[in-house]
Amino acid sequence: MLSDKKVLKGARCLRVLGHPVRIQILEFLTQGEQSVGVLAQELGVSQSNLSQHLAILRDKGILFDRRAGHQVFYRLADSRIPEFFSMMKEIFCR
């Protein structure tokens, strides 16, 4: 059985994942690392709005970021996230 601490941590992560833009970000990043500019263009959101969502995902350890000059690139922090999304779509998005 999970400890109360682990249950709370899991619930917080699921709450973070409960936003449509964040789900789109993570699903897009299953294709590989992307810059903030590409993400904003592909998802049709402003860079400022996107940056807020990316910061939340990064702070929860769901994404890693990398700076290259003036650009910031994001990638998934765990290689199992694409599998998680595949299962989520299969179970909840039929």
PDB file of N, CA and C in Angstrom:
ATOM      1  N   MET A   1       0.841  -1.181   0.000  1.00  0.00           N
ATOM      2  CA  MET A   1       0.000   0.000   0.000  1.00  0.00           C
ATOM      3  C   MET A   1       0.889   1.247   0.000  1.00  0.00           C
ATOM      4  N   LEU A   2       0.479   2.261  -0.732  1.00  0.00           N
ATOM      5  CA  LEU A   2       1.248   3.500  -0.816  1.00  0.00           C
ATOM      6  C   LEU A   2       1.134   4.298   0.476  1.00  0.00           C
ATOM      7  N   SER A   3       2.230   4.942   0.830  1.00  0.00           N
ATOM      8  CA  SER A   3       2.216   5.815   1.996  1.00  0.00           C
ATOM      9  C   SER A   3       1.405   7.075   1.675  1.00  0.00           C
ATOM     10  N   ASP A   4       0.960   7.762   2.720  1.00  0.00           N
ATOM     11  CA  ASP A   4       0.220   9.013   2.525  1.00  0.00           C
ATOM     12  C   ASP A   4       1.038  10.018   1.738  1.00  0.00           C
ATOM     13  N   LYS A   5       2.343  10.064   1.992  1.00  0.00           N
ATOM     14  CA  LYS A   5       3.232  11.002   1.305  1.00  0.00           C
ATOM     15  C   LYS A   5       3.254  10.718  -0.200  1.00  0.00           C
ATOM     16  N   LYS A   6       3.344   9.435  -0.578  1.00  0.00           N
ATOM     17  CA  LYS A   6       3.383   9.080  -1.999  1.00  0.00           C
ATOM     18  C   LYS A   6       2.032   9.319  -2.671  1.00  0.00           C
ATOM     19  N   VAL A   7       0.951   9.052  -1.953  1.00  0.00           N
ATOM     20  CA  VAL A   7      -0.377   9.311  -2.506  1.00  0.00           C
ATOM     21  C   VAL A   7      -0.549  10.803  -2.778  1.00  0.00           C
ATOM     22  N   LEU A   8      -0.120  11.639  -1.841  1.00  0.00           N
ATOM     23  CA  LEU A   8      -0.222  13.085  -2.008  1.00  0.00           C
ATOM     24  C   LEU A   8       0.622  13.559  -3.190  1.00  0.00           C
ATOM     25  N   LYS A   9       1.836  13.027  -3.315  1.00  0.00           N
ATOM     26  CA  LYS A   9       2.706  13.401  -4.432  1.00  0.00           C
ATOM     27  C   LYS A   9       2.071  13.000  -5.768  1.00  0.00           C
ATOM     28  N   GLY A  10       1.518  11.791  -5.831  1.00  0.00           N
ATOM     29  CA  GLY A  10       0.854  11.333  -7.050  1.00  0.00           C
ATOM     30  C   GLY A  10      -0.342  12.193  -7.404  1.00  0.00           C
ATOM     31  N   ALA A  11      -1.130  12.553  -6.395  1.00  0.00           N
ATOM     32  CA  ALA A  11      -2.305  13.392  -6.628  1.00  0.00           C
ATOM     33  C   ALA A  11      -1.897  14.763  -7.153  1.00  0.00           C
ATOM     34  N   ARG A  12      -0.829  15.321  -6.604  1.00  0.00           N
ATOM     35  CA  ARG A  12      -0.355  16.636  -7.075  1.00  0.00           C
ATOM     36  C   ARG A  12       0.102  16.561  -8.527  1.00  0.00           C
ATOM     37  N   CYS A  13       0.812  15.511  -8.882  1.00  0.00           N
ATOM     38  CA  CYS A  13       1.264  15.369 -10.272  1.00  0.00           C
ATOM     39  C   CYS A  13       0.079  15.208 -11.216  1.00  0.00           C
ATOM     40  N   LEU A  14      -0.897  14.417 -10.828  1.00  0.00           N
ATOM     41  CA  LEU A  14      -2.076  14.246 -11.680  1.00  0.00           C
ATOM     42  C   LEU A  14      -2.848  15.544 -11.821  1.00  0.00           C
ATOM     43  N   ARG A  15      -2.888  16.346 -10.767  1.00  0.00           N
ATOM     44  CA  ARG A  15      -3.548  17.657 -10.837  1.00  0.00           C
ATOM     45  C   ARG A  15      -2.822  18.550 -11.852  1.00  0.00           C
ATOM     46  N   VAL A  16      -1.501  18.515 -11.832  1.00  0.00           N
ATOM     47  CA  VAL A  16      -0.699  19.292 -12.782  1.00  0.00           C
ATOM     48  C   VAL A  16      -0.992  18.828 -14.210  1.00  0.00           C
ATOM     49  N   LEU A  17      -1.140  17.532 -14.393  1.00  0.00           N
ATOM     50  CA  LEU A  17      -1.404  16.987 -15.722  1.00  0.00           C
ATOM     51  C   LEU A  17      -2.845  17.204 -16.171  1.00  0.00           C
ATOM     52  N   GLY A  18      -3.690  17.710 -15.294  1.00  0.00           N
ATOM     53  CA  GLY A  18      -5.100  17.877 -15.597  1.00  0.00           C
ATOM     54  C   GLY A  18      -5.462  19.101 -16.421  1.00  0.00           C
ATOM     55  N   HIS A  19      -4.491  19.778 -16.981  1.00  0.00           N
ATOM     56  CA  HIS A  19      -4.773  20.963 -17.808  1.00  0.00           C
ATOM     57  C   HIS A  19      -4.582  20.600 -19.282  1.00  0.00           C
ATOM     58  N   PRO A  20      -5.541  20.948 -20.150  1.00  0.00           N
ATOM     59  CA  PRO A  20      -5.447  20.569 -21.569  1.00  0.00           C
ATOM     60  C   PRO A  20      -4.158  21.024 -22.253  1.00  0.00           C
ATOM     61  N   VAL A  21      -3.692  22.231 -21.976  1.00  0.00           N
ATOM     62  CA  VAL A  21      -2.458  22.707 -22.620  1.00  0.00           C
ATOM     63  C   VAL A  21      -1.272  21.869 -22.167  1.00  0.00           C
ATOM     64  N   ARG A  22      -1.231  21.503 -20.905  1.00  0.00           N
ATOM     65  CA  ARG A  22      -0.112  20.691 -20.405  1.00  0.00           C
ATOM     66  C   ARG A  22      -0.127  19.302 -21.016  1.00  0.00           C
ATOM     67  N   ILE A  23      -1.310  18.757 -21.208  1.00  0.00           N
ATOM     68  CA  ILE A  23      -1.408  17.458 -21.879  1.00  0.00           C
ATOM     69  C   ILE A  23      -0.900  17.582 -23.311  1.00  0.00           C
ATOM     70  N   GLN A  24      -1.267  18.656 -23.996  1.00  0.00           N
ATOM     71  CA  GLN A  24      -0.796  18.866 -25.374  1.00  0.00           C
ATOM     72  C   GLN A  24       0.726  19.027 -25.405  1.00  0.00           C
ATOM     73  N   ILE A  25       1.273  19.756 -24.447  1.00  0.00           N
ATOM     74  CA  ILE A  25       2.722  19.941 -24.379  1.00  0.00           C
ATOM     75  C   ILE A  25       3.410  18.584 -24.255  1.00  0.00           C
ATOM     76  N   LEU A  26       2.966  17.796 -23.299  1.00  0.00           N
ATOM     77  CA  LEU A  26       3.613  16.506 -23.066  1.00  0.00           C
ATOM     78  C   LEU A  26       3.451  15.571 -24.248  1.00  0.00           C
ATOM     79  N   GLU A  27       2.275  15.568 -24.835  1.00  0.00           N
ATOM     80  CA  GLU A  27       2.072  14.698 -25.993  1.00  0.00           C
ATOM     81  C   GLU A  27       2.980  15.126 -27.150  1.00  0.00           C
ATOM     82  N   PHE A  28       3.103  16.433 -27.377  1.00  0.00           N
ATOM     83  CA  PHE A  28       3.979  16.917 -28.445  1.00  0.00           C
ATOM     84  C   PHE A  28       5.439  16.549 -28.159  1.00  0.00           C
ATOM     85  N   LEU A  29       5.830  16.635 -26.900  1.00  0.00           N
ATOM     86  CA  LEU A  29       7.217  16.320 -26.540  1.00  0.00           C
ATOM     87  C   LEU A  29       7.532  14.826 -26.589  1.00  0.00           C
ATOM     88  N   THR A  30       6.515  13.984 -26.746  1.00  0.00           N
ATOM     89  CA  THR A  30       6.812  12.563 -26.935  1.00  0.00           C
ATOM     90  C   THR A  30       7.561  12.344 -28.248  1.00  0.00           C
ATOM     91  N   GLN A  31       7.502  13.327 -29.144  1.00  0.00           N
ATOM     92  CA  GLN A  31       8.232  13.264 -30.417  1.00  0.00           C
ATOM     93  C   GLN A  31       9.703  13.638 -30.257  1.00  0.00           C
ATOM     94  N   GLY A  32      10.058  14.222 -29.116  1.00  0.00           N
ATOM     95  CA  GLY A  32      11.435  14.623 -28.878  1.00  0.00           C
ATOM     96  C   GLY A  32      11.532  16.054 -28.397  1.00  0.00           C
ATOM     97  N   GLU A  33      12.734  16.451 -28.066  1.00  0.00           N
ATOM     98  CA  GLU A  33      13.015  17.791 -27.543  1.00  0.00           C
ATOM     99  C   GLU A  33      12.573  18.869 -28.525  1.00  0.00           C
ATOM    100  N   GLN A  34      12.001  19.953 -27.980  1.00  0.00           N
ATOM    101  CA  GLN A  34      11.540  21.064 -28.812  1.00  0.00           C
ATOM    102  C   GLN A  34      11.835  22.390 -28.125  1.00  0.00           C
ATOM    103  N   SER A  35      11.984  23.427 -28.933  1.00  0.00           N
ATOM    104  CA  SER A  35      12.190  24.770 -28.395  1.00  0.00           C
ATOM    105  C   SER A  35      10.843  25.369 -27.991  1.00  0.00           C
ATOM    106  N   VAL A  36      10.895  26.382 -27.150  1.00  0.00           N
ATOM    107  CA  VAL A  36       9.686  27.082 -26.721  1.00  0.00           C
ATOM    108  C   VAL A  36       8.965  27.671 -27.933  1.00  0.00           C
ATOM    109  N   GLY A  37       9.714  28.250 -28.864  1.00  0.00           N
ATOM    110  CA  GLY A  37       9.109  28.847 -30.060  1.00  0.00           C
ATOM    111  C   GLY A  37       8.339  27.840 -30.887  1.00  0.00           C
ATOM    112  N   VAL A  38       8.911  26.671 -31.098  1.00  0.00           N
ATOM    113  CA  VAL A  38       8.232  25.621 -31.872  1.00  0.00           C
ATOM    114  C   VAL A  38       6.995  25.143 -31.130  1.00  0.00           C
ATOM    115  N   LEU A  39       7.118  24.939 -29.832  1.00  0.00           N
ATOM    116  CA  LEU A  39       5.961  24.505 -29.042  1.00  0.00           C
ATOM    117  C   LEU A  39       4.826  25.518 -29.128  1.00  0.00           C
ATOM    118  N   ALA A  40       5.143  26.799 -28.976  1.00  0.00           N
ATOM    119  CA  ALA A  40       4.117  27.844 -29.027  1.00  0.00           C
ATOM    120  C   ALA A  40       3.425  27.845 -30.376  1.00  0.00           C
ATOM    121  N   GLN A  41       4.205  27.741 -31.434  1.00  0.00           N
ATOM    122  CA  GLN A  41       3.637  27.747 -32.781  1.00  0.00           C
ATOM    123  C   GLN A  41       2.758  26.517 -33.015  1.00  0.00           C
ATOM    124  N   GLU A  42       3.260  25.359 -32.665  1.00  0.00           N
ATOM    125  CA  GLU A  42       2.526  24.114 -32.909  1.00  0.00           C
ATOM    126  C   GLU A  42       1.249  24.011 -32.075  1.00  0.00           C
ATOM    127  N   LEU A  43       1.298  24.524 -30.842  1.00  0.00           N
ATOM    128  CA  LEU A  43       0.148  24.410 -29.947  1.00  0.00           C
ATOM    129  C   LEU A  43      -0.803  25.595 -30.055  1.00  0.00           C
ATOM    130  N   GLY A  44      -0.368  26.668 -30.724  1.00  0.00           N
ATOM    131  CA  GLY A  44      -1.225  27.828 -30.917  1.00  0.00           C
ATOM    132  C   GLY A  44      -1.480  28.614 -29.644  1.00  0.00           C
ATOM    133  N   VAL A  45      -0.475  28.691 -28.775  1.00  0.00           N
ATOM    134  CA  VAL A  45      -0.588  29.481 -27.539  1.00  0.00           C
ATOM    135  C   VAL A  45       0.532  30.513 -27.512  1.00  0.00           C
ATOM    136  N   SER A  46       0.327  31.574 -26.745  1.00  0.00           N
ATOM    137  CA  SER A  46       1.361  32.598 -26.647  1.00  0.00           C
ATOM    138  C   SER A  46       2.559  32.044 -25.885  1.00  0.00           C
ATOM    139  N   GLN A  47       3.737  32.629 -26.178  1.00  0.00           N
ATOM    140  CA  GLN A  47       4.940  32.166 -25.487  1.00  0.00           C
ATOM    141  C   GLN A  47       4.862  32.425 -23.992  1.00  0.00           C
ATOM    142  N   SER A  48       4.229  33.518 -23.572  1.00  0.00           N
ATOM    143  CA  SER A  48       4.137  33.801 -22.139  1.00  0.00           C
ATOM    144  C   SER A  48       3.243  32.780 -21.440  1.00  0.00           C
ATOM    145  N   ASN A  49       2.113  32.442 -22.057  1.00  0.00           N
ATOM    146  CA  ASN A  49       1.227  31.426 -21.494  1.00  0.00           C
ATOM    147  C   ASN A  49       1.932  30.073 -21.461  1.00  0.00           C
ATOM    148  N   LEU A  50       2.579  29.724 -22.555  1.00  0.00           N
ATOM    149  CA  LEU A  50       3.303  28.463 -22.639  1.00  0.00           C
ATOM    150  C   LEU A  50       4.393  28.391 -21.583  1.00  0.00           C
ATOM    151  N   SER A  51       5.129  29.465 -21.400  1.00  0.00           N
ATOM    152  CA  SER A  51       6.216  29.480 -20.420  1.00  0.00           C
ATOM    153  C   SER A  51       5.707  29.189 -19.012  1.00  0.00           C
ATOM    154  N   GLN A  52       4.526  29.683 -18.682  1.00  0.00           N
ATOM    155  CA  GLN A  52       3.947  29.400 -17.365  1.00  0.00           C
ATOM    156  C   GLN A  52       3.675  27.909 -17.203  1.00  0.00           C
ATOM    157  N   HIS A  53       3.107  27.293 -18.233  1.00  0.00           N
ATOM    158  CA  HIS A  53       2.821  25.856 -18.177  1.00  0.00           C
ATOM    159  C   HIS A  53       4.122  25.043 -18.125  1.00  0.00           C
ATOM    160  N   LEU A  54       5.099  25.448 -18.921  1.00  0.00           N
ATOM    161  CA  LEU A  54       6.377  24.728 -18.926  1.00  0.00           C
ATOM    162  C   LEU A  54       7.063  24.813 -17.563  1.00  0.00           C
ATOM    163  N   ALA A  55       6.990  25.959 -16.930  1.00  0.00           N
ATOM    164  CA  ALA A  55       7.612  26.130 -15.607  1.00  0.00           C
ATOM    165  C   ALA A  55       6.968  25.195 -14.584  1.00  0.00           C
ATOM    166  N   ILE A  56       5.659  25.060 -14.635  1.00  0.00           N
ATOM    167  CA  ILE A  56       4.960  24.162 -13.712  1.00  0.00           C
ATOM    168  C   ILE A  56       5.406  22.722 -13.936  1.00  0.00           C
ATOM    169  N   LEU A  57       5.460  22.307 -15.196  1.00  0.00           N
ATOM    170  CA  LEU A  57       5.879  20.942 -15.515  1.00  0.00           C
ATOM    171  C   LEU A  57       7.340  20.703 -15.142  1.00  0.00           C
ATOM    172  N   ARG A  58       8.174  21.688 -15.356  1.00  0.00           N
ATOM    173  CA  ARG A  58       9.599  21.576 -14.986  1.00  0.00           C
ATOM    174  C   ARG A  58       9.758  21.505 -13.466  1.00  0.00           C
ATOM    175  N   ASP A  59       9.033  22.352 -12.751  1.00  0.00           N
ATOM    176  CA  ASP A  59       9.138  22.375 -11.289  1.00  0.00           C
ATOM    177  C   ASP A  59       8.678  21.073 -10.646  1.00  0.00           C
ATOM    178  N   LYS A  60       7.763  20.367 -11.287  1.00  0.00           N
ATOM    179  CA  LYS A  60       7.293  19.076 -10.771  1.00  0.00           C
ATOM    180  C   LYS A  60       8.187  17.917 -11.224  1.00  0.00           C
ATOM    181  N   GLY A  61       9.239  18.241 -12.001  1.00  0.00           N
ATOM    182  CA  GLY A  61      10.162  17.196 -12.440  1.00  0.00           C
ATOM    183  C   GLY A  61       9.660  16.374 -13.609  1.00  0.00           C
ATOM    184  N   ILE A  62       8.656  16.892 -14.320  1.00  0.00           N
ATOM    185  CA  ILE A  62       8.084  16.179 -15.459  1.00  0.00           C
ATOM    186  C   ILE A  62       8.853  16.498 -16.738  1.00  0.00           C
ATOM    187  N   LEU A  63       9.433  17.704 -16.796  1.00  0.00           N
ATOM    188  CA  LEU A  63      10.239  18.133 -17.945  1.00  0.00           C
ATOM    189  C   LEU A  63      11.630  18.560 -17.491  1.00  0.00           C
ATOM    190  N   PHE A  64      12.576  18.428 -18.403  1.00  0.00           N
ATOM    191  CA  PHE A  64      13.909  19.011 -18.249  1.00  0.00           C
ATOM    192  C   PHE A  64      14.034  20.127 -19.272  1.00  0.00           C
ATOM    193  N   ASP A  65      14.792  21.159 -18.934  1.00  0.00           N
ATOM    194  CA  ASP A  65      15.059  22.216 -19.908  1.00  0.00           C
ATOM    195  C   ASP A  65      16.556  22.330 -20.159  1.00  0.00           C
ATOM    196  N   ARG A  66      16.870  22.899 -21.322  1.00  0.00           N
ATOM    197  CA  ARG A  66      18.256  23.103 -21.739  1.00  0.00           C
ATOM    198  C   ARG A  66      18.326  24.418 -22.486  1.00  0.00           C
ATOM    199  N   ARG A  67      19.299  25.228 -22.124  1.00  0.00           N
ATOM    200  CA  ARG A  67      19.475  26.518 -22.803  1.00  0.00           C
ATOM    201  C   ARG A  67      20.582  26.389 -23.857  1.00  0.00           C
ATOM    202  N   ALA A  68      20.322  27.019 -25.002  1.00  0.00           N
ATOM    203  CA  ALA A  68      21.307  27.103 -26.078  1.00  0.00           C
ATOM    204  C   ALA A  68      21.220  28.520 -26.622  1.00  0.00           C
ATOM    205  N   GLY A  69      22.125  29.376 -26.165  1.00  0.00           N
ATOM    206  CA  GLY A  69      22.056  30.783 -26.530  1.00  0.00           C
ATOM    207  C   GLY A  69      20.816  31.405 -25.922  1.00  0.00           C
ATOM    208  N   HIS A  70      19.982  32.007 -26.777  1.00  0.00           N
ATOM    209  CA  HIS A  70      18.753  32.639 -26.296  1.00  0.00           C
ATOM    210  C   HIS A  70      17.557  31.691 -26.306  1.00  0.00           C
ATOM    211  N   GLN A  71      17.747  30.488 -26.806  1.00  0.00           N
ATOM    212  CA  GLN A  71      16.633  29.542 -26.895  1.00  0.00           C
ATOM    213  C   GLN A  71      16.635  28.583 -25.710  1.00  0.00           C
ATOM    214  N   VAL A  72      15.431  28.158 -25.347  1.00  0.00           N
ATOM    215  CA  VAL A  72      15.264  27.150 -24.307  1.00  0.00           C
ATOM    216  C   VAL A  72      14.557  25.958 -24.946  1.00  0.00           C
ATOM    217  N   PHE A  73      15.112  24.785 -24.701  1.00  0.00           N
ATOM    218  CA  PHE A  73      14.556  23.543 -25.235  1.00  0.00           C
ATOM    219  C   PHE A  73      14.037  22.702 -24.076  1.00  0.00           C
ATOM    220  N   TYR A  74      12.941  22.005 -24.319  1.00  0.00           N
ATOM    221  CA  TYR A  74      12.342  21.145 -23.301  1.00  0.00           C
ATOM    222  C   TYR A  74      12.255  19.724 -23.808  1.00  0.00           C
ATOM    223  N   ARG A  75      12.381  18.794 -22.858  1.00  0.00           N
ATOM    224  CA  ARG A  75      12.205  17.371 -23.167  1.00  0.00           C
ATOM    225  C   ARG A  75      11.588  16.689 -21.958  1.00  0.00           C
ATOM    226  N   LEU A  76      11.034  15.517 -22.198  1.00  0.00           N
ATOM    227  CA  LEU A  76      10.417  14.743 -21.131  1.00  0.00           C
ATOM    228  C   LEU A  76      11.487  14.253 -20.164  1.00  0.00           C
ATOM    229  N   ALA A  77      11.185  14.273 -18.896  1.00  0.00           N
ATOM    230  CA  ALA A  77      12.144  13.861 -17.872  1.00  0.00           C
ATOM    231  C   ALA A  77      12.191  12.345 -17.698  1.00  0.00           C
ATOM    232  N   ASP A  78      11.167  11.656 -18.150  1.00  0.00           N
ATOM    233  CA  ASP A  78      11.095  10.207 -17.956  1.00  0.00           C
ATOM    234  C   ASP A  78      10.701   9.554 -19.275  1.00  0.00           C
ATOM    235  N   SER A  79      11.457   8.555 -19.681  1.00  0.00           N
ATOM    236  CA  SER A  79      11.206   7.887 -20.967  1.00  0.00           C
ATOM    237  C   SER A  79       9.906   7.086 -20.971  1.00  0.00           C
ATOM    238  N   ARG A  80       9.272   6.908 -19.824  1.00  0.00           N
ATOM    239  CA  ARG A  80       8.011   6.158 -19.754  1.00  0.00           C
ATOM    240  C   ARG A  80       6.784   7.027 -19.993  1.00  0.00           C
ATOM    241  N   ILE A  81       6.959   8.340 -20.094  1.00  0.00           N
ATOM    242  CA  ILE A  81       5.816   9.236 -20.287  1.00  0.00           C
ATOM    243  C   ILE A  81       5.062   8.942 -21.583  1.00  0.00           C
ATOM    244  N   PRO A  82       5.734   8.670 -22.719  1.00  0.00           N
ATOM    245  CA  PRO A  82       4.961   8.316 -23.925  1.00  0.00           C
ATOM    246  C   PRO A  82       4.072   7.089 -23.715  1.00  0.00           C
ATOM    247  N   GLU A  83       4.562   6.107 -22.986  1.00  0.00           N
ATOM    248  CA  GLU A  83       3.750   4.921 -22.690  1.00  0.00           C
ATOM    249  C   GLU A  83       2.554   5.300 -21.817  1.00  0.00           C
ATOM    250  N   PHE A  84       2.793   6.166 -20.839  1.00  0.00           N
ATOM    251  CA  PHE A  84       1.710   6.652 -19.979  1.00  0.00           C
ATOM    252  C   PHE A  84       0.632   7.329 -20.825  1.00  0.00           C
ATOM    253  N   PHE A  85       1.042   8.176 -21.775  1.00  0.00           N
ATOM    254  CA  PHE A  85       0.073   8.879 -22.620  1.00  0.00           C
ATOM    255  C   PHE A  85      -0.665   7.925 -23.536  1.00  0.00           C
ATOM    256  N   SER A  86       0.022   6.939 -24.031  1.00  0.00           N
ATOM    257  CA  SER A  86      -0.629   5.936 -24.869  1.00  0.00           C
ATOM    258  C   SER A  86      -1.708   5.204 -24.080  1.00  0.00           C
ATOM    259  N   MET A  87      -1.395   4.820 -22.854  1.00  0.00           N
ATOM    260  CA  MET A  87      -2.376   4.147 -22.000  1.00  0.00           C
ATOM    261  C   MET A  87      -3.529   5.082 -21.643  1.00  0.00           C
ATOM    262  N   MET A  88      -3.225   6.338 -21.348  1.00  0.00           N
ATOM    263  CA  MET A  88      -4.251   7.309 -20.997  1.00  0.00           C
ATOM    264  C   MET A  88      -5.246   7.466 -22.158  1.00  0.00           C
ATOM    265  N   LYS A  89      -4.720   7.600 -23.377  1.00  0.00           N
ATOM    266  CA  LYS A  89      -5.596   7.764 -24.540  1.00  0.00           C
ATOM    267  C   LYS A  89      -6.451   6.519 -24.751  1.00  0.00           C
ATOM    268  N   GLU A  90      -5.835   5.362 -24.575  1.00  0.00           N
ATOM    269  CA  GLU A  90      -6.562   4.107 -24.773  1.00  0.00           C
ATOM    270  C   GLU A  90      -7.698   3.944 -23.756  1.00  0.00           C
ATOM    271  N   ILE A  91      -7.437   4.323 -22.522  1.00  0.00           N
ATOM    272  CA  ILE A  91      -8.422   4.126 -21.454  1.00  0.00           C
ATOM    273  C   ILE A  91      -9.468   5.242 -21.418  1.00  0.00           C
ATOM    274  N   PHE A  92      -9.031   6.498 -21.529  1.00  0.00           N
ATOM    275  CA  PHE A  92      -9.937   7.627 -21.276  1.00  0.00           C
ATOM    276  C   PHE A  92     -10.388   8.402 -22.501  1.00  0.00           C
ATOM    277  N   CYS A  93      -9.766   8.217 -23.646  1.00  0.00           N
ATOM    278  CA  CYS A  93     -10.067   9.080 -24.808  1.00  0.00           C
ATOM    279  C   CYS A  93     -10.682   8.300 -25.964  1.00  0.00           C
ATOM    280  N   ARG A  94     -11.385   7.243 -25.683  1.00  0.00           N
ATOM    281  CA  ARG A  94     -11.994   6.450 -26.761  1.00  0.00           C
ATOM    282  C   ARG A  94     -13.181   7.153 -27.352  1.00  0.00           C
TER     283      ARG A  94
END
